[in-house]
Amino acid sequence: DSVRGRFTISRDNAKNTVYLQMNSLKPEDTAVYYC
C-alpha cells in the first residue's frame, strides 16, 4: 500500500531481469532494497 501508484514492477524476459521504477520518492522510502 505504501508504494502503490508510485512504484511500478516490470520484467524483461529476454534479459531475465525485473525492474522497479520508483517515482515520487519520499525520505521514508530510504532502505536497502532486495530482489
All heavy atoms as atom14 arrays in JSON, in Angstrom:
{
  "sequence": "DSVRGRFTISRDNAKNTVYLQMNSLKPEDTAVYYC",
  "atom14_mask": [
    [1, 1, 1, 1, 1, 1, 1, 1, 0, 0, 0, 0, 0, 0],
    [1, 1, 1, 1, 1, 1, 0, 0, 0, 0, 0, 0, 0, 0],
    [1, 1, 1, 1, 1, 1, 1, 0, 0, 0, 0, 0, 0, 0],
    [1, 1, 1, 1, 1, 1, 1, 1, 1, 1, 1, 0, 0, 0],
    [1, 1, 1, 1, 0, 0, 0, 0, 0, 0, 0, 0, 0, 0],
    [1, 1, 1, 1, 1, 1, 1, 1, 1, 1, 1, 0, 0, 0],
    [1, 1, 1, 1, 1, 1, 1, 1, 1, 1, 1, 0, 0, 0],
    [1, 1, 1, 1, 1, 1, 1, 0, 0, 0, 0, 0, 0, 0],
    [1, 1, 1, 1, 1, 1, 1, 1, 0, 0, 0, 0, 0, 0],
    [1, 1, 1, 1, 1, 1, 0, 0, 0, 0, 0, 0, 0, 0],
    [1, 1, 1, 1, 1, 1, 1, 1, 1, 1, 1, 0, 0, 0],
    [1, 1, 1, 1, 1, 1, 1, 1, 0, 0, 0, 0, 0, 0],
    [1, 1, 1, 1, 1, 1, 1, 1, 0, 0, 0, 0, 0, 0],
    [1, 1, 1, 1, 1, 0, 0, 0, 0, 0, 0, 0, 0, 0],
    [1, 1, 1, 1, 1, 1, 1, 1, 1, 0, 0, 0, 0, 0],
    [1, 1, 1, 1, 1, 1, 1, 1, 0, 0, 0, 0, 0, 0],
    [1, 1, 1, 1, 1, 1, 1, 0, 0, 0, 0, 0, 0, 0],
    [1, 1, 1, 1, 1, 1, 1, 0, 0, 0, 0, 0, 0, 0],
    [1, 1, 1, 1, 1, 1, 1, 1, 1, 1, 1, 1, 0, 0],
    [1, 1, 1, 1, 1, 1, 1, 1, 0, 0, 0, 0, 0, 0],
    [1, 1, 1, 1, 1, 1, 1, 1, 1, 0, 0, 0, 0, 0],
    [1, 1, 1, 1, 1, 1, 1, 1, 0, 0, 0, 0, 0, 0],
    [1, 1, 1, 1, 1, 1, 1, 1, 0, 0, 0, 0, 0, 0],
    [1, 1, 1, 1, 1, 1, 0, 0, 0, 0, 0, 0, 0, 0],
    [1, 1, 1, 1, 1, 1, 1, 1, 0, 0, 0, 0, 0, 0],
    [1, 1, 1, 1, 1, 1, 1, 1, 1, 0, 0, 0, 0, 0],
    [1, 1, 1, 1, 1, 1, 1, 0, 0, 0, 0, 0, 0, 0],
    [1, 1, 1, 1, 1, 1, 1, 1, 1, 0, 0, 0, 0, 0],
    [1, 1, 1, 1, 1, 1, 1, 1, 0, 0, 0, 0, 0, 0],
    [1, 1, 1, 1, 1, 1, 1, 0, 0, 0, 0, 0, 0, 0],
    [1, 1, 1, 1, 1, 0, 0, 0, 0, 0, 0, 0, 0, 0],
    [1, 1, 1, 1, 1, 1, 1, 0, 0, 0, 0, 0, 0, 0],
    [1, 1, 1, 1, 1, 1, 1, 1, 1, 1, 1, 1, 0, 0],
    [1, 1, 1, 1, 1, 1, 1, 1, 1, 1, 1, 1, 0, 0],
    [1, 1, 1, 1, 1, 1, 0, 0, 0, 0, 0, 0, 0, 0]
  ],
  "atom14_positions": [
    [[0.81, -1.21, 0.0], [0.0, 0.0, 0.0], [0.85, 1.27, 0.0], [0.47, 2.28, -0.6], [-0.93, 0.01, 1.2], [-2.04, -1.02, 1.1], [-2.31, -1.51, -0.01], [-2.65, -1.34, 2.14], [0.0, 0.0, 0.0], [0.0, 0.0, 0.0], [0.0, 0.0, 0.0], [0.0, 0.0, 0.0], [0.0, 0.0, 0.0], [0.0, 0.0, 0.0]],
    [[2.0, 1.21, 0.65], [2.84, 2.38, 0.8], [3.47, 2.85, -0.51], [3.91, 4.0, -0.6], [3.93, 2.13, 1.84], [4.73, 1.02, 1.45], [0.0, 0.0, 0.0], [0.0, 0.0, 0.0], [0.0, 0.0, 0.0], [0.0, 0.0, 0.0], [0.0, 0.0, 0.0], [0.0, 0.0, 0.0], [0.0, 0.0, 0.0], [0.0, 0.0, 0.0]],
    [[3.52, 1.97, -1.52], [4.18, 2.33, -2.78], [3.24, 2.29, -3.97], [3.62, 2.74, -5.05], [5.39, 1.42, -3.06], [6.34, 1.4, -1.87], [4.95, 0.0, -3.4], [0.0, 0.0, 0.0], [0.0, 0.0, 0.0], [0.0, 0.0, 0.0], [0.0, 0.0, 0.0], [0.0, 0.0, 0.0], [0.0, 0.0, 0.0], [0.0, 0.0, 0.0]],
    [[2.04, 1.77, -3.79], [1.09, 1.66, -4.9], [0.81, 3.04, -5.49], [0.54, 4.0, -4.78], [-0.2, 1.01, -4.43], [-1.17, 0.69, -5.58], [-2.41, -0.06, -5.09], [-2.08, -1.39, -4.61], [-2.09, -1.75, -3.33], [-2.43, -0.87, -2.4], [-1.77, -2.98, -2.99], [0.0, 0.0, 0.0], [0.0, 0.0, 0.0], [0.0, 0.0, 0.0]],
    [[0.9, 3.13, -6.82], [0.7, 4.39, -7.5], [1.98, 5.15, -7.74], [2.0, 6.07, -8.57], [0.0, 0.0, 0.0], [0.0, 0.0, 0.0], [0.0, 0.0, 0.0], [0.0, 0.0, 0.0], [0.0, 0.0, 0.0], [0.0, 0.0, 0.0], [0.0, 0.0, 0.0], [0.0, 0.0, 0.0], [0.0, 0.0, 0.0], [0.0, 0.0, 0.0]],
    [[3.04, 4.81, -7.03], [4.33, 5.47, -7.21], [5.39, 4.55, -7.81], [6.24, 5.0, -8.56], [4.85, 6.01, -5.87], [3.95, 7.05, -5.23], [4.6, 7.67, -4.0], [4.87, 6.68, -2.96], [6.08, 6.4, -2.47], [7.14, 7.05, -2.93], [6.22, 5.49, -1.52], [0.0, 0.0, 0.0], [0.0, 0.0, 0.0], [0.0, 0.0, 0.0]],
    [[5.34, 3.27, -7.45], [6.31, 2.29, -7.93], [5.65, 1.38, -8.96], [4.46, 1.06, -8.86], [6.83, 1.42, -6.79], [7.69, 2.13, -5.78], [7.84, 3.51, -5.79], [8.36, 1.4, -4.81], [8.63, 4.16, -4.85], [9.16, 2.03, -3.88], [9.29, 3.41, -3.89], [0.0, 0.0, 0.0], [0.0, 0.0, 0.0], [0.0, 0.0, 0.0]],
    [[6.44, 0.93, -9.93], [5.97, 0.0, -10.93], [6.99, -1.12, -11.11], [8.16, -0.85, -11.36], [5.73, 0.69, -12.29], [4.79, 1.75, -12.14], [5.19, -0.31, -13.31], [0.0, 0.0, 0.0], [0.0, 0.0, 0.0], [0.0, 0.0, 0.0], [0.0, 0.0, 0.0], [0.0, 0.0, 0.0], [0.0, 0.0, 0.0], [0.0, 0.0, 0.0]],
    [[6.54, -2.37, -10.98], [7.41, -3.5, -11.21], [7.16, -4.02, -12.63], [6.02, -4.06, -13.09], [7.2, -4.61, -10.16], [8.26, -5.7, -10.31], [5.79, -5.19, -10.24], [8.29, -6.69, -9.15], [0.0, 0.0, 0.0], [0.0, 0.0, 0.0], [0.0, 0.0, 0.0], [0.0, 0.0, 0.0], [0.0, 0.0, 0.0], [0.0, 0.0, 0.0]],
    [[8.22, -4.39, -13.32], [8.12, -4.89, -14.67], [9.2, -5.93, -14.9], [10.06, -6.14, -14.05], [8.22, -3.76, -15.7], [9.47, -3.11, -15.61], [0.0, 0.0, 0.0], [0.0, 0.0, 0.0], [0.0, 0.0, 0.0], [0.0, 0.0, 0.0], [0.0, 0.0, 0.0], [0.0, 0.0, 0.0], [0.0, 0.0, 0.0], [0.0, 0.0, 0.0]],
    [[9.16, -6.57, -16.05], [10.14, -7.6, -16.36], [10.52, -7.57, -17.82], [9.74, -7.12, -18.68], [9.59, -8.98, -16.0], [8.42, -9.41, -16.87], [7.81, -10.7, -16.41], [6.72, -11.12, -17.29], [5.88, -12.09, -17.04], [5.98, -12.77, -15.89], [4.93, -12.39, -17.91], [0.0, 0.0, 0.0], [0.0, 0.0, 0.0], [0.0, 0.0, 0.0]],
    [[11.71, -8.04, -18.11], [12.19, -8.25, -19.46], [12.63, -9.71, -19.52], [13.72, -10.04, -19.07], [13.34, -7.31, -19.8], [13.77, -7.41, -21.25], [13.57, -8.46, -21.88], [14.33, -6.43, -21.77], [0.0, 0.0, 0.0], [0.0, 0.0, 0.0], [0.0, 0.0, 0.0], [0.0, 0.0, 0.0], [0.0, 0.0, 0.0], [0.0, 0.0, 0.0]],
    [[11.77, -10.55, -20.05], [12.04, -11.98, -20.04], [13.29, -12.34, -20.85], [14.03, -13.26, -20.49], [10.84, -12.75, -20.59], [9.65, -12.72, -19.66], [9.8, -12.61, -18.44], [8.45, -12.81, -20.22], [0.0, 0.0, 0.0], [0.0, 0.0, 0.0], [0.0, 0.0, 0.0], [0.0, 0.0, 0.0], [0.0, 0.0, 0.0], [0.0, 0.0, 0.0]],
    [[13.53, -11.61, -21.94], [14.69, -11.89, -22.77], [16.0, -11.65, -22.01], [17.01, -12.3, -22.29], [14.65, -11.06, -24.04], [0.0, 0.0, 0.0], [0.0, 0.0, 0.0], [0.0, 0.0, 0.0], [0.0, 0.0, 0.0], [0.0, 0.0, 0.0], [0.0, 0.0, 0.0], [0.0, 0.0, 0.0], [0.0, 0.0, 0.0], [0.0, 0.0, 0.0]],
    [[15.97, -10.72, -21.06], [17.16, -10.39, -20.29], [17.16, -11.04, -18.91], [18.09, -10.81, -18.13], [17.3, -8.88, -20.14], [17.5, -8.14, -21.45], [17.64, -6.65, -21.22], [17.87, -5.9, -22.52], [18.0, -4.44, -22.31], [0.0, 0.0, 0.0], [0.0, 0.0, 0.0], [0.0, 0.0, 0.0], [0.0, 0.0, 0.0], [0.0, 0.0, 0.0]],
    [[16.12, -11.81, -18.6], [15.98, -12.42, -17.27], [16.14, -11.38, -16.17], [16.84, -11.6, -15.17], [17.0, -13.55, -17.09], [16.78, -14.69, -18.06], [15.64, -15.08, -18.32], [17.86, -15.23, -18.6], [0.0, 0.0, 0.0], [0.0, 0.0, 0.0], [0.0, 0.0, 0.0], [0.0, 0.0, 0.0], [0.0, 0.0, 0.0], [0.0, 0.0, 0.0]],
    [[15.48, -10.26, -16.36], [15.64, -9.12, -15.47], [14.29, -8.55, -15.08], [13.39, -8.46, -15.91], [16.48, -8.02, -16.14], [17.78, -8.54, -16.46], [16.64, -6.82, -15.23], [0.0, 0.0, 0.0], [0.0, 0.0, 0.0], [0.0, 0.0, 0.0], [0.0, 0.0, 0.0], [0.0, 0.0, 0.0], [0.0, 0.0, 0.0], [0.0, 0.0, 0.0]],
    [[14.16, -8.18, -13.81], [12.99, -7.45, -13.34], [13.43, -6.07, -12.9], [14.58, -5.87, -12.49], [12.26, -8.18, -12.2], [11.69, -9.5, -12.68], [13.18, -8.39, -11.01], [0.0, 0.0, 0.0], [0.0, 0.0, 0.0], [0.0, 0.0, 0.0], [0.0, 0.0, 0.0], [0.0, 0.0, 0.0], [0.0, 0.0, 0.0], [0.0, 0.0, 0.0]],
    [[12.51, -5.12, -12.99], [12.81, -3.73, -12.69], [11.81, -3.21, -11.66], [10.69, -3.69, -11.55], [12.72, -2.87, -13.94], [13.6, -3.33, -15.07], [13.11, -4.18, -16.06], [14.92, -2.92, -15.15], [13.92, -4.61, -17.09], [15.74, -3.35, -16.18], [15.24, -4.19, -17.15], [16.04, -4.61, -18.18], [0.0, 0.0, 0.0], [0.0, 0.0, 0.0]],
    [[12.24, -2.22, -10.93], [11.36, -1.48, -10.06], [11.55, 0.0, -10.35], [12.57, 0.58, -9.98], [11.65, -1.77, -8.58], [10.67, -1.14, -7.59], [9.29, -1.78, -7.72], [11.18, -1.27, -6.16], [0.0, 0.0, 0.0], [0.0, 0.0, 0.0], [0.0, 0.0, 0.0], [0.0, 0.0, 0.0], [0.0, 0.0, 0.0], [0.0, 0.0, 0.0]],
    [[10.58, 0.58, -11.05], [10.59, 2.0, -11.33], [9.98, 2.72, -10.13], [8.82, 2.48, -9.79], [9.8, 2.32, -12.59], [9.73, 3.8, -12.94], [11.08, 4.37, -13.31], [11.82, 3.76, -14.07], [11.41, 5.54, -12.76], [0.0, 0.0, 0.0], [0.0, 0.0, 0.0], [0.0, 0.0, 0.0], [0.0, 0.0, 0.0], [0.0, 0.0, 0.0]],
    [[10.74, 3.59, -9.5], [10.32, 4.29, -8.31], [10.21, 5.77, -8.61], [11.21, 6.42, -8.91], [11.3, 4.04, -7.16], [11.53, 2.57, -6.86], [12.59, 2.31, -5.41], [14.13, 2.99, -6.03], [0.0, 0.0, 0.0], [0.0, 0.0, 0.0], [0.0, 0.0, 0.0], [0.0, 0.0, 0.0], [0.0, 0.0, 0.0], [0.0, 0.0, 0.0]],
    [[9.0, 6.29, -8.55], [8.74, 7.7, -8.81], [8.23, 8.38, -7.54], [7.78, 7.72, -6.61], [7.72, 7.87, -9.93], [8.18, 7.31, -11.25], [9.37, 7.36, -11.58], [7.25, 6.78, -12.03], [0.0, 0.0, 0.0], [0.0, 0.0, 0.0], [0.0, 0.0, 0.0], [0.0, 0.0, 0.0], [0.0, 0.0, 0.0], [0.0, 0.0, 0.0]],
    [[8.27, 9.69, -7.54], [7.79, 10.48, -6.4], [8.36, 9.96, -5.09], [7.65, 9.76, -4.11], [6.26, 10.47, -6.37], [5.72, 10.99, -7.56], [0.0, 0.0, 0.0], [0.0, 0.0, 0.0], [0.0, 0.0, 0.0], [0.0, 0.0, 0.0], [0.0, 0.0, 0.0], [0.0, 0.0, 0.0], [0.0, 0.0, 0.0], [0.0, 0.0, 0.0]],
    [[9.65, 9.76, -5.07], [10.29, 9.16, -3.9], [10.2, 10.07, -2.68], [10.25, 11.29, -2.79], [11.75, 8.84, -4.21], [11.95, 7.59, -5.07], [13.34, 7.58, -5.69], [11.74, 6.34, -4.21], [0.0, 0.0, 0.0], [0.0, 0.0, 0.0], [0.0, 0.0, 0.0], [0.0, 0.0, 0.0], [0.0, 0.0, 0.0], [0.0, 0.0, 0.0]],
    [[10.05, 9.43, -1.54], [9.94, 10.11, -0.25], [11.08, 9.67, 0.66], [11.62, 8.58, 0.48], [8.6, 9.76, 0.41], [7.37, 10.04, -0.43], [6.12, 9.52, 0.25], [4.89, 9.77, -0.58], [3.66, 9.25, 0.08], [0.0, 0.0, 0.0], [0.0, 0.0, 0.0], [0.0, 0.0, 0.0], [0.0, 0.0, 0.0], [0.0, 0.0, 0.0]],
    [[11.45, 10.49, 1.63], [12.51, 10.08, 2.56], [12.22, 8.73, 3.23], [13.16, 7.97, 3.49], [12.54, 11.22, 3.58], [12.11, 12.41, 2.8], [11.05, 11.89, 1.86], [0.0, 0.0, 0.0], [0.0, 0.0, 0.0], [0.0, 0.0, 0.0], [0.0, 0.0, 0.0], [0.0, 0.0, 0.0], [0.0, 0.0, 0.0], [0.0, 0.0, 0.0]],
    [[10.96, 8.43, 3.49], [10.61, 7.16, 4.11], [10.83, 5.96, 3.2], [10.71, 4.81, 3.64], [9.17, 7.17, 4.65], [8.15, 7.65, 3.63], [7.8, 9.11, 3.78], [8.72, 9.93, 3.96], [6.6, 9.45, 3.73], [0.0, 0.0, 0.0], [0.0, 0.0, 0.0], [0.0, 0.0, 0.0], [0.0, 0.0, 0.0], [0.0, 0.0, 0.0]],
    [[11.12, 6.19, 1.93], [11.48, 5.11, 1.02], [12.93, 4.68, 1.19], [13.35, 3.68, 0.6], [11.25, 5.51, -0.43], [9.78, 5.74, -0.75], [8.93, 4.95, -0.29], [9.48, 6.71, -1.49], [0.0, 0.0, 0.0], [0.0, 0.0, 0.0], [0.0, 0.0, 0.0], [0.0, 0.0, 0.0], [0.0, 0.0, 0.0], [0.0, 0.0, 0.0]],
    [[13.7, 5.43, 1.96], [15.1, 5.1, 2.18], [15.23, 3.73, 2.84], [14.64, 3.47, 3.88], [15.77, 6.16, 3.06], [15.78, 7.42, 2.37], [17.2, 5.77, 3.4], [0.0, 0.0, 0.0], [0.0, 0.0, 0.0], [0.0, 0.0, 0.0], [0.0, 0.0, 0.0], [0.0, 0.0, 0.0], [0.0, 0.0, 0.0], [0.0, 0.0, 0.0]],
    [[16.0, 2.85, 2.21], [16.17, 1.48, 2.7], [17.14, 0.75, 1.78], [17.5, 1.25, 0.71], [14.82, 0.75, 2.72], [0.0, 0.0, 0.0], [0.0, 0.0, 0.0], [0.0, 0.0, 0.0], [0.0, 0.0, 0.0], [0.0, 0.0, 0.0], [0.0, 0.0, 0.0], [0.0, 0.0, 0.0], [0.0, 0.0, 0.0], [0.0, 0.0, 0.0]],
    [[17.54, -0.43, 2.22], [18.2, -1.36, 1.33], [17.12, -2.17, 0.64], [16.26, -2.75, 1.29], [19.17, -2.29, 2.09], [19.78, -3.31, 1.13], [20.26, -1.48, 2.77], [0.0, 0.0, 0.0], [0.0, 0.0, 0.0], [0.0, 0.0, 0.0], [0.0, 0.0, 0.0], [0.0, 0.0, 0.0], [0.0, 0.0, 0.0], [0.0, 0.0, 0.0]],
    [[17.16, -2.19, -0.68], [16.17, -2.9, -1.47], [16.75, -4.23, -1.93], [17.84, -4.28, -2.49], [15.74, -2.06, -2.67], [14.79, -0.95, -2.29], [15.23, 0.14, -1.54], [13.44, -1.0, -2.66], [14.36, 1.15, -1.16], [12.57, 0.02, -2.29], [13.03, 1.09, -1.54], [12.16, 2.09, -1.18], [0.0, 0.0, 0.0], [0.0, 0.0, 0.0]],
    [[15.99, -5.3, -1.69], [16.42, -6.65, -2.0], [15.53, -7.27, -3.06], [14.3, -7.18, -2.99], [16.36, -7.54, -0.76], [17.31, -7.14, 0.34], [16.91, -6.26, 1.34], [18.61, -7.64, 0.38], [17.77, -5.9, 2.36], [19.47, -7.28, 1.39], [19.05, -6.42, 2.38], [19.91, -6.06, 3.39], [0.0, 0.0, 0.0], [0.0, 0.0, 0.0]],
    [[16.14, -7.92, -4.02], [15.42, -8.69, -5.01], [15.16, -10.09, -4.46], [16.02, -10.67, -3.79], [16.23, -8.78, -6.3], [15.4, -9.63, -7.66], [0.0, 0.0, 0.0], [0.0, 0.0, 0.0], [0.0, 0.0, 0.0], [0.0, 0.0, 0.0], [0.0, 0.0, 0.0], [0.0, 0.0, 0.0], [0.0, 0.0, 0.0], [0.0, 0.0, 0.0]]
  ]
}
